[in-house]
């Protein structure tokens, strides 16, 4: 185990008060490089919300080229680089200060590395060797931090999920399925008995395994498996139950329910759980895309790709309100998508924006009384 000795640099810039709800906007990154908040299905923050991790990419291909891993500290109002050669698969759990990621290593073999966001202690846990590097771009870690799970192509349209036992430095393919070429696999963050998997039915790949089309006419759907890879339980979302799943979903805290958006004209937001016969509609009339639920399971946030607005809502009442305008362009590169998430302390919403002409990470400070008003019946 080693400890990062950070070189803290000032990057934060105040961007004034947004007119939607009076949120104070802070630009967290300002270097002339693409910075982004990794992804919004997970929370890349410390448990108290005082620090967050983000990626900084020297090239424009943030989904393929190794990047730098940085930390932003809200109390210090500074940022610091903590690693380099980091692959896109970064995993976290909102109830821990640790994040797990794949990085290049001076010895030549990439490693799974654990970083504590508060102490900045870093430890290499697994050397890949015969184990394939994550192909799907997403990874997840079990709540106890023992298992790191990601995806791989087996043959043709057959894909698998492999599980690395970080305690014993062993790995195995524990689940297979056709068309899980972009599985967005996520451990249930409470007990960790289930994993959520995205099924991109009809996705097309070439002879080399490169993705030609993510999904076919059937559209995407979701299913659950148990932690051993069995007990497959399709969820009643996507055709024939609903419009196709957009591919943006997450667990709602420790409730056992899943939050997602659908590819219908309204950009519907809904929730669903194993055993449900239909999904539960939420936030009707809003055109929403990328979703995140607060670790406490009380609130959600999602972006409107057309207007750029970030909407926050209450699971208790169903009320929603626009928090701020992200000013993200919503173009083809992922760093132009807002990808908002709420910090565990419910003090801020973290999001991407290319409002300055380059992808940067921003925070909207949630005004006093904003969330309380959403929960009033």
Protein backbone atom coordinates (compact mmCIF):
# COMPACT_ATOMS: atom_id res chain seq x y z
CA UNK A 1 0.00 0.00 0.00
CA UNK A 2 1.21 3.50 -0.82
CA UNK A 3 -0.09 6.97 -0.19
CA UNK A 4 -0.52 9.67 -2.79
CA UNK A 5 1.22 12.90 -1.86
CA UNK A 6 -1.04 15.36 -3.65
CA UNK A 7 0.02 18.53 -5.39
CA UNK A 8 -3.09 20.59 -4.85
CA UNK A 9 -3.85 23.16 -7.53
CA UNK A 10 -6.58 25.83 -7.64
CA UNK A 11 -9.12 25.23 -10.41
CA UNK A 12 -12.52 26.20 -9.03
CA UNK A 13 -14.35 29.13 -10.59
CA UNK A 14 -17.61 30.58 -9.33
CA UNK A 15 -20.21 30.79 -12.11
CA UNK A 16 -22.86 32.76 -10.27
CA UNK A 17 -26.45 31.92 -9.36
CA UNK A 18 -28.59 29.92 -11.77
CA UNK A 19 -32.03 31.40 -12.42
CA UNK A 20 -33.98 28.12 -12.20
CA UNK A 21 -33.92 27.63 -8.42
CA UNK A 22 -31.20 29.94 -7.15
CA UNK A 23 -28.47 27.26 -7.10
CA UNK A 24 -24.92 28.55 -6.86
CA UNK A 25 -22.86 27.07 -9.71
CA UNK A 26 -19.17 26.24 -9.25
CA UNK A 27 -16.92 25.10 -12.06
CA UNK A 28 -14.70 22.51 -10.38
CA UNK A 29 -12.19 22.01 -13.21
CA UNK A 30 -10.64 24.56 -15.54
CA UNK A 31 -7.50 23.05 -17.08
CA UNK A 32 -7.43 23.04 -20.90
CA UNK A 33 -8.08 19.30 -21.01
CA UNK A 34 -11.31 17.29 -21.14
CA UNK A 35 -12.52 16.56 -17.61
CA UNK A 36 -15.64 14.54 -16.81
CA UNK A 37 -17.38 13.06 -13.79
CA UNK A 38 -16.83 9.43 -14.96
CA UNK A 39 -20.52 8.41 -15.05
CA UNK A 40 -23.66 9.04 -13.09
CA UNK A 41 -24.95 5.53 -12.34
CA UNK A 42 -22.53 5.46 -9.41
CA UNK A 43 -21.34 8.09 -6.92
CA UNK A 44 -17.63 8.79 -7.19
CA UNK A 45 -17.47 10.66 -3.90
CA UNK A 46 -16.49 10.16 -0.30
CA UNK A 47 -19.32 9.20 2.05
CA UNK A 48 -19.58 12.72 3.41
CA UNK A 49 -19.60 14.27 -0.07
CA UNK A 50 -16.54 16.42 0.59
CA UNK A 51 -14.38 14.85 -2.12
CA UNK A 52 -15.10 13.49 -5.58
CA UNK A 53 -13.08 11.70 -8.22
CA UNK A 54 -13.10 12.68 -11.88
CA UNK A 55 -11.27 11.70 -15.05
CA UNK A 56 -9.10 13.98 -17.14
CA UNK A 57 -8.31 12.83 -20.65
CA UNK A 58 -5.35 14.18 -22.66
CA UNK A 59 -7.08 13.02 -25.89
CA UNK A 60 -10.65 13.34 -27.16
CA UNK A 61 -11.45 9.62 -26.97
CA UNK A 62 -12.38 9.38 -23.29
CA UNK A 63 -13.95 5.94 -23.81
CA UNK A 64 -10.78 4.26 -25.09
CA UNK A 65 -7.60 6.10 -24.17
CA UNK A 66 -6.21 5.84 -20.63
CA UNK A 67 -6.85 8.97 -18.61
CA UNK A 68 -5.70 10.69 -15.46
CA UNK A 69 -7.61 10.29 -12.21
CA UNK A 70 -8.06 13.46 -10.19
CA UNK A 71 -9.72 14.38 -6.90
CA UNK A 72 -11.58 17.60 -6.14
CA UNK A 73 -11.90 18.70 -2.51
CA UNK A 74 -14.82 21.00 -1.66
CA UNK A 75 -13.33 22.12 1.64
CA UNK A 76 -9.91 22.97 0.22
CA UNK A 77 -11.42 24.18 -3.08
CA UNK A 78 -8.48 22.59 -4.86
CA UNK A 79 -7.87 19.58 -7.11
CA UNK A 80 -5.04 17.07 -7.31
CA UNK A 81 -3.98 14.29 -9.65
CA UNK A 82 -3.90 10.90 -7.92
CA UNK A 83 -3.13 8.47 -10.77
CA UNK A 84 -2.58 8.10 -14.51
CA UNK A 85 -3.03 5.43 -17.18
CA UNK A 86 -6.55 4.81 -15.85
CA UNK A 87 -8.98 2.82 -17.99
CA UNK A 88 -12.62 3.84 -18.33
CA UNK A 89 -13.94 1.18 -15.92
CA UNK A 90 -14.15 2.82 -12.48
CA UNK A 91 -16.32 1.31 -9.72
CA UNK A 92 -17.53 2.73 -6.43
CA UNK A 93 -20.03 2.29 -3.63
CA UNK A 94 -21.78 5.32 -2.15
CA UNK A 95 -21.42 3.90 1.37
CA UNK A 96 -17.63 3.71 1.23
CA UNK A 97 -14.76 6.14 0.72
CA UNK A 98 -13.05 3.71 -1.68
CA UNK A 99 -13.11 3.66 -5.46
CA UNK A 100 -11.75 0.82 -7.61
CA UNK A 101 -10.28 1.21 -11.07
CA UNK A 102 -8.08 -0.41 -13.70
CA UNK A 103 -4.78 1.29 -14.41
CA UNK A 104 -1.63 0.65 -16.36
CA UNK A 105 1.31 -0.40 -14.24
CA UNK A 106 5.05 0.24 -14.66
CA UNK A 107 5.54 -3.54 -14.50
CA UNK A 108 3.57 -3.89 -17.73
CA UNK A 109 0.50 -5.71 -16.41
CA UNK A 110 -2.58 -3.55 -15.70
CA UNK A 111 -3.89 -3.72 -12.14
CA UNK A 112 -7.13 -3.28 -10.26
CA UNK A 113 -6.36 -0.54 -7.77
CA UNK A 114 -8.25 0.69 -4.72
CA UNK A 115 -8.01 4.34 -3.69
CA UNK A 116 -9.40 5.81 -0.48
CA UNK A 117 -10.66 9.27 -1.38
CA UNK A 118 -10.13 10.66 2.13
CA UNK A 119 -6.72 9.24 3.09
CA UNK A 120 -5.46 8.95 -0.52
CA UNK A 121 -4.02 5.54 0.33
CA UNK A 122 -3.67 3.43 -2.79
CA UNK A 123 -3.28 -0.33 -3.12
CA UNK A 124 -2.91 -2.63 -6.13
CA UNK A 125 -5.19 -5.64 -5.59
CA UNK A 126 -5.08 -7.72 -8.77
CA UNK A 127 -2.81 -8.10 -11.82
CA UNK A 128 -4.74 -8.98 -14.96
CA UNK A 129 -2.48 -11.44 -16.78
CA UNK A 130 -4.83 -13.99 -18.40
CA UNK A 131 -7.89 -12.12 -17.18
CA UNK A 132 -9.18 -9.84 -19.96
CA UNK A 133 -9.38 -6.12 -19.46
CA UNK A 134 -12.92 -4.75 -19.17
CA UNK A 135 -14.44 -4.42 -22.64
CA UNK A 136 -17.80 -2.92 -21.75
CA UNK A 137 -16.52 0.33 -20.26
CA UNK A 138 -18.35 -0.13 -16.96
CA UNK A 139 -17.51 -2.05 -13.81
CA UNK A 140 -19.02 -2.58 -10.38
CA UNK A 141 -17.74 -3.57 -6.96
CA UNK A 142 -19.58 -5.54 -4.29
CA UNK A 143 -20.63 -3.58 -1.17
CA UNK A 144 -17.95 -5.31 0.91
CA UNK A 145 -15.27 -4.39 -1.64
CA UNK A 146 -14.31 -8.01 -2.31
CA UNK A 147 -15.54 -8.58 -5.88
CA UNK A 148 -14.88 -6.48 -8.97
CA UNK A 149 -17.17 -7.32 -11.91
CA UNK A 150 -17.03 -6.28 -15.54
CA UNK A 151 -17.80 -7.66 -19.02
CA UNK A 152 -16.03 -9.46 -21.85
CA UNK A 153 -16.83 -10.90 -25.28
CA UNK A 154 -16.63 -14.68 -25.38
CA UNK A 155 -17.41 -15.51 -29.02
CA UNK A 156 -19.69 -14.09 -31.66
CA UNK A 157 -22.70 -12.52 -29.95
CA UNK A 158 -21.94 -14.33 -26.70
CA UNK A 159 -20.74 -12.16 -23.85
CA UNK A 160 -19.87 -12.87 -20.25
CA UNK A 161 -19.54 -11.18 -16.92
CA UNK A 162 -16.36 -11.99 -15.06
CA UNK A 163 -15.78 -11.62 -11.35
CA UNK A 164 -12.42 -10.87 -9.76
CA UNK A 165 -12.05 -12.02 -6.16
CA UNK A 166 -9.82 -9.22 -4.88
CA UNK A 167 -9.16 -11.03 -1.60
CA UNK A 168 -7.83 -14.18 -3.27
CA UNK A 169 -6.57 -12.66 -6.55
CA UNK A 170 -8.67 -15.10 -8.61
CA UNK A 171 -11.16 -14.56 -11.43
CA UNK A 172 -13.88 -16.50 -13.21
CA UNK A 173 -16.63 -15.98 -15.79
CA UNK A 174 -19.74 -16.41 -13.66
CA UNK A 175 -22.51 -15.42 -16.10
CA UNK A 176 -23.06 -15.61 -19.88
CA UNK A 177 -25.74 -14.24 -22.18
CA UNK A 178 -26.14 -13.20 -25.80
CA UNK A 179 -26.14 -9.46 -26.52
CA UNK A 180 -24.90 -8.13 -23.16
CA UNK A 181 -22.32 -6.15 -25.10
CA UNK A 182 -22.96 -3.06 -22.96
CA UNK A 183 -24.19 -4.55 -19.67
CA UNK A 184 -23.92 -1.53 -17.33
CA UNK A 185 -23.62 -4.18 -14.61
CA UNK A 186 -24.29 -2.84 -11.10
CA UNK A 187 -24.21 -4.54 -7.70
CA UNK A 188 -27.21 -3.79 -5.50
CA UNK A 189 -25.48 -1.46 -3.01
CA UNK A 190 -27.13 -2.79 0.16
CA UNK A 191 -26.68 -6.52 0.72
CA UNK A 192 -25.13 -7.07 -2.72
CA UNK A 193 -27.10 -10.25 -3.33
CA UNK A 194 -28.23 -9.16 -6.82
CA UNK A 195 -26.72 -7.51 -9.86
CA UNK A 196 -28.52 -5.43 -12.48
CA UNK A 197 -27.68 -6.20 -16.12
CA UNK A 198 -28.63 -4.35 -19.32
CA UNK A 199 -29.54 -6.53 -22.32
CA UNK A 200 -29.01 -4.82 -25.70
CA UNK A 201 -31.13 -7.10 -27.84
CA UNK A 202 -30.07 -7.12 -31.49
CA UNK A 203 -26.83 -5.21 -31.02
CA UNK A 204 -24.46 -5.68 -33.94
CA UNK A 205 -20.72 -6.31 -33.86
CA UNK A 206 -18.13 -6.91 -36.57
CA UNK A 207 -15.74 -9.87 -36.88
CA UNK A 208 -13.28 -8.16 -34.55
CA UNK A 209 -15.85 -7.54 -31.83
CA UNK A 210 -16.20 -3.82 -32.52
CA UNK A 211 -19.70 -2.51 -31.90
CA UNK A 212 -21.52 -1.46 -35.08
CA UNK A 213 -24.92 -0.85 -33.49
CA UNK A 214 -25.67 -0.97 -29.78
CA UNK A 215 -29.25 -2.22 -30.04
CA UNK A 216 -31.65 -3.66 -32.63
CA UNK A 217 -35.36 -3.20 -33.29
CA UNK A 218 -36.37 -5.04 -30.11
CA UNK A 219 -34.65 -2.40 -28.02
CA UNK A 220 -32.91 -2.78 -24.69
CA UNK A 221 -34.28 -4.31 -21.53
CA UNK A 222 -32.99 -5.17 -18.05
CA UNK A 223 -32.70 -8.25 -15.90
CA UNK A 224 -31.41 -9.27 -12.49
CA UNK A 225 -29.08 -12.10 -11.56
CA UNK A 226 -27.92 -13.27 -8.15
CA UNK A 227 -24.36 -12.76 -6.98
CA UNK A 228 -23.37 -16.21 -8.31
CA UNK A 229 -24.62 -15.40 -11.82
CA UNK A 230 -27.83 -17.46 -11.74
CA UNK A 231 -31.52 -16.90 -11.00
CA UNK A 232 -32.10 -14.71 -14.06
CA UNK A 233 -35.14 -12.47 -13.54
CA UNK A 234 -36.24 -10.29 -16.48
CA UNK A 235 -37.70 -6.94 -15.44
CA UNK A 236 -40.96 -5.77 -17.08
CA UNK A 237 -39.36 -2.90 -19.02
CA UNK A 238 -38.65 -2.64 -22.73
CA UNK A 239 -40.73 -4.35 -25.39
CA UNK A 240 -43.35 -5.86 -25.05
CA UNK A 241 -44.01 -4.17 -21.68
CA UNK A 242 -42.90 -0.61 -22.41
CA UNK A 243 -40.88 1.35 -24.91
CA UNK A 244 -37.23 0.34 -25.03
CA UNK A 245 -34.91 1.20 -22.17
CA UNK A 246 -32.59 4.11 -22.95
CA UNK A 247 -29.65 2.34 -21.34
CA UNK A 248 -29.56 4.67 -18.34
CA UNK A 249 -30.50 3.04 -15.03
CA UNK A 250 -29.32 2.75 -11.44
CA UNK A 251 -30.28 1.24 -8.07
CA UNK A 252 -32.35 3.44 -5.76
CA UNK A 253 -30.21 3.38 -2.63
CA UNK A 254 -30.78 0.20 -0.62
CA UNK A 255 -34.48 -0.09 -1.53
CA UNK A 256 -33.98 -2.93 -4.03
CA UNK A 257 -35.66 -0.87 -6.74
CA UNK A 258 -34.19 0.37 -10.01
CA UNK A 259 -34.59 3.81 -11.58
CA UNK A 260 -34.55 4.09 -15.39
CA UNK A 261 -35.69 6.06 -18.42
CA UNK A 262 -37.56 4.83 -21.50
CA UNK A 263 -37.22 5.64 -25.19
CA UNK A 264 -40.74 6.98 -25.61
CA UNK A 265 -41.72 10.42 -26.84
CA UNK A 266 -42.01 11.74 -23.29
CA UNK A 267 -38.65 10.44 -22.09
CA UNK A 268 -40.48 8.64 -19.30
CA UNK A 269 -38.87 8.04 -15.94
CA UNK A 270 -39.94 4.97 -13.97
CA UNK A 271 -38.88 2.52 -11.28
CA UNK A 272 -39.11 -1.25 -11.08
CA UNK A 273 -38.08 -4.14 -8.82
CA UNK A 274 -37.69 -7.87 -9.13
CA UNK A 275 -41.12 -9.53 -8.93
CA UNK A 276 -43.00 -6.50 -10.32
CA UNK A 277 -45.41 -7.12 -13.19
CA UNK A 278 -45.14 -3.53 -14.44
CA UNK A 279 -42.95 -0.52 -13.87
CA UNK A 280 -44.03 2.45 -11.78
CA UNK A 281 -44.18 5.80 -13.65
CA UNK A 282 -42.41 8.82 -12.16
CA UNK A 283 -42.03 12.45 -13.24
CA UNK A 284 -44.55 12.46 -16.07
CA UNK A 285 -44.21 15.02 -18.84
CA UNK A 286 -40.46 15.50 -18.60
CA UNK A 287 -38.06 14.48 -21.35
CA UNK A 288 -35.36 12.84 -19.23
CA UNK A 289 -32.32 10.71 -20.08
CA UNK A 290 -29.45 10.09 -17.62
CA UNK A 291 -30.58 9.23 -14.09
CA UNK A 292 -29.19 9.01 -10.59
CA UNK A 293 -30.75 8.26 -7.19
CA UNK A 294 -29.42 9.60 -3.91
CA UNK A 295 -27.80 6.93 -1.71
CA UNK A 296 -30.49 7.52 0.92
CA UNK A 297 -33.16 6.56 -1.63
CA UNK A 298 -35.20 9.76 -1.18
CA UNK A 299 -34.40 11.79 -4.28
CA UNK A 300 -33.52 11.43 -7.94
CA UNK A 301 -31.88 13.68 -10.50
CA UNK A 302 -32.00 13.44 -14.29
CA UNK A 303 -31.06 15.57 -17.27
CA UNK A 304 -33.16 16.83 -20.15
CA UNK A 305 -30.85 16.46 -23.16
CA UNK A 306 -32.81 18.98 -25.24
CA UNK A 307 -33.07 21.86 -22.80
CA UNK A 308 -30.00 21.08 -20.69
CA UNK A 309 -32.02 21.40 -17.49
CA UNK A 310 -31.30 19.18 -14.48
CA UNK A 311 -34.47 18.04 -12.72
CA UNK A 312 -34.58 16.81 -9.12
CA UNK A 313 -37.52 14.84 -7.76
CA UNK A 314 -38.82 13.10 -4.64
CA UNK A 315 -39.63 9.38 -4.63
CA UNK A 316 -42.03 10.03 -1.76
CA UNK A 317 -44.26 12.60 -3.48
CA UNK A 318 -43.33 12.40 -7.16
CA UNK A 319 -42.76 16.17 -7.19
CA UNK A 320 -40.00 17.47 -9.46
CA UNK A 321 -38.34 20.82 -9.97
CA UNK A 322 -35.60 22.11 -12.25
CA UNK A 323 -32.44 22.72 -10.22
CA UNK A 324 -30.32 24.45 -12.86
CA UNK A 325 -29.37 24.69 -16.51
CA UNK A 326 -26.30 22.54 -17.16
CA UNK A 327 -25.59 24.34 -20.45
CA UNK A 328 -24.26 20.98 -21.73
CA UNK A 329 -24.56 20.67 -25.50
CA UNK A 330 -25.59 16.99 -25.47
CA UNK A 331 -23.54 16.13 -28.53
CA UNK A 332 -21.93 12.85 -29.53
CA UNK A 333 -18.98 12.81 -27.08
CA UNK A 334 -19.98 11.56 -23.64
CA UNK A 335 -18.35 14.52 -21.90
CA UNK A 336 -20.96 16.80 -23.52
CA UNK A 337 -23.70 14.93 -21.62
CA UNK A 338 -24.52 16.32 -18.19
CA UNK A 339 -24.55 12.92 -16.40
CA UNK A 340 -25.74 14.46 -13.11
CA UNK A 341 -25.57 12.81 -9.71
CA UNK A 342 -26.35 13.91 -6.16
CA UNK A 343 -23.62 13.82 -3.52
CA UNK A 344 -24.38 11.57 -0.51
CA UNK A 345 -24.72 14.58 1.81
CA UNK A 346 -27.40 16.04 -0.54
CA UNK A 347 -25.56 19.35 -0.66
CA UNK A 348 -24.64 19.33 -4.34
CA UNK A 349 -25.41 18.00 -7.79
CA UNK A 350 -22.32 17.10 -9.81
CA UNK A 351 -22.54 17.36 -13.60
CA UNK A 352 -20.59 17.78 -16.83
CA UNK A 353 -20.85 20.74 -19.16
CA UNK A 354 -19.01 21.98 -22.22
CA UNK A 355 -20.39 25.50 -21.76
CA UNK A 356 -16.83 26.87 -21.88
CA UNK A 357 -16.07 25.07 -25.17
CA UNK A 358 -14.37 22.09 -23.49
CA UNK A 359 -15.74 19.40 -21.19
CA UNK A 360 -15.47 20.38 -17.52
CA UNK A 361 -16.97 19.23 -14.21
CA UNK A 362 -19.40 21.48 -12.33
CA UNK A 363 -21.31 21.48 -9.05
CA UNK A 364 -24.70 23.04 -8.33
CA UNK A 365 -25.12 23.81 -4.65
CA UNK A 366 -28.65 22.79 -3.66
CA UNK A 367 -30.44 25.78 -2.10
CA UNK A 368 -31.77 25.62 1.46
CA UNK A 369 -35.30 24.21 1.56
CA UNK A 370 -35.22 22.98 -2.05
CA UNK A 371 -35.35 19.25 -1.20
CA UNK A 372 -37.70 19.73 1.74
CA UNK A 373 -40.25 21.40 -0.53
CA UNK A 374 -40.18 18.41 -2.87
CA UNK A 375 -41.14 16.08 -0.01
CA UNK A 376 -44.08 18.15 1.18
CA UNK A 377 -47.36 16.36 0.42
